[in-house]
Amino acid sequence: MSEPKRLGTVPVPNLLFDQLLPQLNDAELRLILIVLRSTLGWREGDDFGGWRQKRRDWLTNRQLVRRTGSSSASVSRAIQTLLDAGLIRVEAVDGTLLDTPHKRRRNLGRLYFAPGDMWKTAPPADIGSPRRTTNTGNNN
């Protein structure tokens, strides 16, 4: 029996909520959610009625700024932090990993974003100490 299609949903891995959420700043969280929505949350059909998730998606800096509501500088920093932590991958059209700002700037083609390999296997390395939030504990 096949799994039912859940239209209009994004399967967000529990790891994001259970371990990573306290460690991500706002721009990083928004960016990883956009990457997950654009890949795990997207279904491509084939000629035989089957569905598969996208492995990666072409996203421009302008799209990321618009969709996250963050500044271009915040998006760029978030990309690098998430890359360094293995939470996302950024690739050239041929699949070459673009893991530094220099490589991404030198790439004249499209940038393809994908969830990092860690989403498929083991938990990620620590991405740093938990960050402060606007929640002071006094919110009722």
Protein backbone atom coordinates (compact mmCIF):
# COMPACT_ATOMS: atom_id res chain seq x y z
CA MET A 1 0.00 0.00 0.00
CA SER A 2 1.50 3.34 -0.98
CA GLU A 3 1.69 6.37 1.28
CA PRO A 4 -1.12 8.88 0.65
CA LYS A 5 -0.20 12.13 -1.06
CA ARG A 6 -0.33 15.06 1.32
CA LEU A 7 -0.88 18.08 -0.82
CA GLY A 8 0.02 21.43 0.59
CA THR A 9 2.39 20.18 3.29
CA VAL A 10 6.13 20.16 3.85
CA PRO A 11 7.64 17.21 5.70
CA VAL A 12 9.96 19.07 8.07
CA PRO A 13 12.36 16.68 9.82
CA ASN A 14 11.87 16.49 13.60
CA LEU A 15 15.58 17.15 14.03
CA LEU A 16 14.97 20.77 13.08
CA PHE A 17 12.54 21.22 15.97
CA ASP A 18 14.15 18.89 18.50
CA GLN A 19 17.81 19.89 18.21
CA LEU A 20 18.51 22.74 15.82
CA LEU A 21 15.84 25.35 16.53
CA PRO A 22 17.56 26.89 19.59
CA GLN A 23 20.84 27.16 17.67
CA LEU A 24 19.53 28.94 14.56
CA ASN A 25 19.04 32.66 14.26
CA ASP A 26 15.96 34.04 12.50
CA ALA A 27 17.50 34.34 9.01
CA GLU A 28 19.02 30.85 9.22
CA LEU A 29 15.71 29.30 10.26
CA ARG A 30 13.82 31.10 7.51
CA LEU A 31 16.39 30.06 4.92
CA ILE A 32 16.38 26.38 5.89
CA LEU A 33 12.57 26.40 5.81
CA ILE A 34 12.63 27.88 2.28
CA VAL A 35 15.12 25.21 1.12
CA LEU A 36 13.02 22.43 2.68
CA ARG A 37 9.83 23.86 1.15
CA SER A 38 11.45 24.10 -2.27
CA THR A 39 12.72 20.52 -2.18
CA LEU A 40 11.08 18.17 0.33
CA GLY A 41 7.82 20.11 0.06
CA TRP A 42 7.70 19.98 -3.73
CA ARG A 43 6.32 17.07 -5.69
CA GLU A 44 7.18 16.46 -9.32
CA GLY A 45 5.00 14.05 -11.25
CA ASP A 46 6.15 11.59 -13.87
CA ASP A 47 4.34 10.12 -16.86
CA PHE A 48 3.25 7.12 -14.79
CA GLY A 49 1.40 9.00 -12.05
CA GLY A 50 4.26 8.72 -9.56
CA TRP A 51 5.54 11.57 -7.44
CA ARG A 52 9.01 12.40 -6.27
CA GLN A 53 10.56 15.21 -4.28
CA LYS A 54 12.98 17.63 -5.86
CA ARG A 55 16.59 16.91 -5.00
CA ARG A 56 17.50 20.58 -5.37
CA ASP A 57 15.97 23.84 -6.55
CA TRP A 58 17.29 26.91 -8.30
CA LEU A 59 16.86 29.91 -6.02
CA THR A 60 18.12 33.42 -6.66
CA ASN A 61 19.37 35.79 -3.98
CA ARG A 62 16.45 38.09 -4.80
CA GLN A 63 13.98 35.23 -4.24
CA LEU A 64 15.62 34.33 -0.93
CA VAL A 65 15.52 37.94 0.26
CA ARG A 66 11.84 38.24 -0.71
CA ARG A 67 10.77 34.87 0.68
CA THR A 68 12.65 35.15 3.98
CA GLY A 69 12.00 38.84 4.58
CA SER A 70 15.69 39.17 5.49
CA SER A 71 18.30 41.52 4.06
CA SER A 72 20.70 40.34 1.37
CA ALA A 73 23.59 40.46 3.86
CA SER A 74 21.60 38.35 6.38
CA VAL A 75 20.74 35.81 3.67
CA SER A 76 24.39 35.57 2.61
CA ARG A 77 25.54 35.01 6.21
CA ALA A 78 22.78 32.45 6.76
CA ILE A 79 23.76 30.56 3.61
CA GLN A 80 27.35 30.27 4.80
CA THR A 81 26.42 29.23 8.34
CA LEU A 82 24.02 26.55 7.09
CA LEU A 83 26.58 25.32 4.55
CA ASP A 84 29.30 25.10 7.21
CA ALA A 85 26.94 23.12 9.46
CA GLY A 86 25.99 20.73 6.64
CA LEU A 87 22.33 21.73 6.80
CA ILE A 88 22.17 22.83 3.16
CA ARG A 89 24.15 22.40 -0.04
CA VAL A 90 24.64 25.00 -2.73
CA GLU A 91 25.64 23.62 -6.11
CA ALA A 92 26.39 24.75 -9.63
CA VAL A 93 24.29 23.32 -12.46
CA ASP A 94 26.80 20.43 -12.83
CA GLY A 95 26.56 19.52 -9.13
CA THR A 96 29.84 21.16 -8.08
CA LEU A 97 29.65 22.20 -4.44
CA LEU A 98 29.83 25.98 -4.00
CA ASP A 99 30.75 26.07 -0.33
CA THR A 100 32.40 29.49 -0.09
CA PRO A 101 31.22 33.00 -0.96
CA HIS A 102 34.08 33.25 -3.45
CA LYS A 103 32.97 30.11 -5.32
CA ARG A 104 29.36 31.31 -5.38
CA ARG A 105 30.35 34.74 -6.74
CA ARG A 106 32.61 33.20 -9.40
CA ASN A 107 29.87 30.84 -10.53
CA LEU A 108 28.27 32.52 -13.53
CA GLY A 109 25.30 30.18 -13.65
CA ARG A 110 22.41 29.39 -11.38
CA LEU A 111 22.75 28.44 -7.74
CA TYR A 112 20.91 25.27 -6.77
CA PHE A 113 19.98 24.78 -3.11
CA ALA A 114 19.42 21.39 -1.51
CA PRO A 115 19.03 20.01 1.99
CA GLY A 116 22.40 18.86 3.32
CA ASP A 117 23.28 15.19 3.36
CA MET A 118 22.83 15.16 7.13
CA TRP A 119 19.04 15.19 6.67
CA LYS A 120 19.38 11.72 5.16
CA THR A 121 21.76 10.20 7.71
CA ALA A 122 23.24 11.08 11.09
CA PRO A 123 22.56 14.17 13.19
CA PRO A 124 24.67 17.22 12.32
CA ALA A 125 27.68 18.54 14.16
CA ASP A 126 26.96 21.27 16.68
CA ILE A 127 26.49 24.52 14.79
CA GLY A 128 27.33 26.67 17.77
CA SER A 129 25.93 27.77 21.07
CA PRO A 130 22.24 28.61 21.34
CA ARG A 131 21.55 32.17 20.27
CA ARG A 132 19.58 34.76 22.14
CA THR A 133 16.06 35.33 21.02
CA THR A 134 13.54 38.04 21.70
CA ASN A 135 11.75 35.69 24.10
CA THR A 136 12.66 36.93 27.56
CA GLY A 137 10.46 34.44 29.37
CA ASN A 138 8.08 37.24 30.33
CA ASN A 139 5.76 36.68 27.40
CA ASN A 140 2.35 35.63 28.67
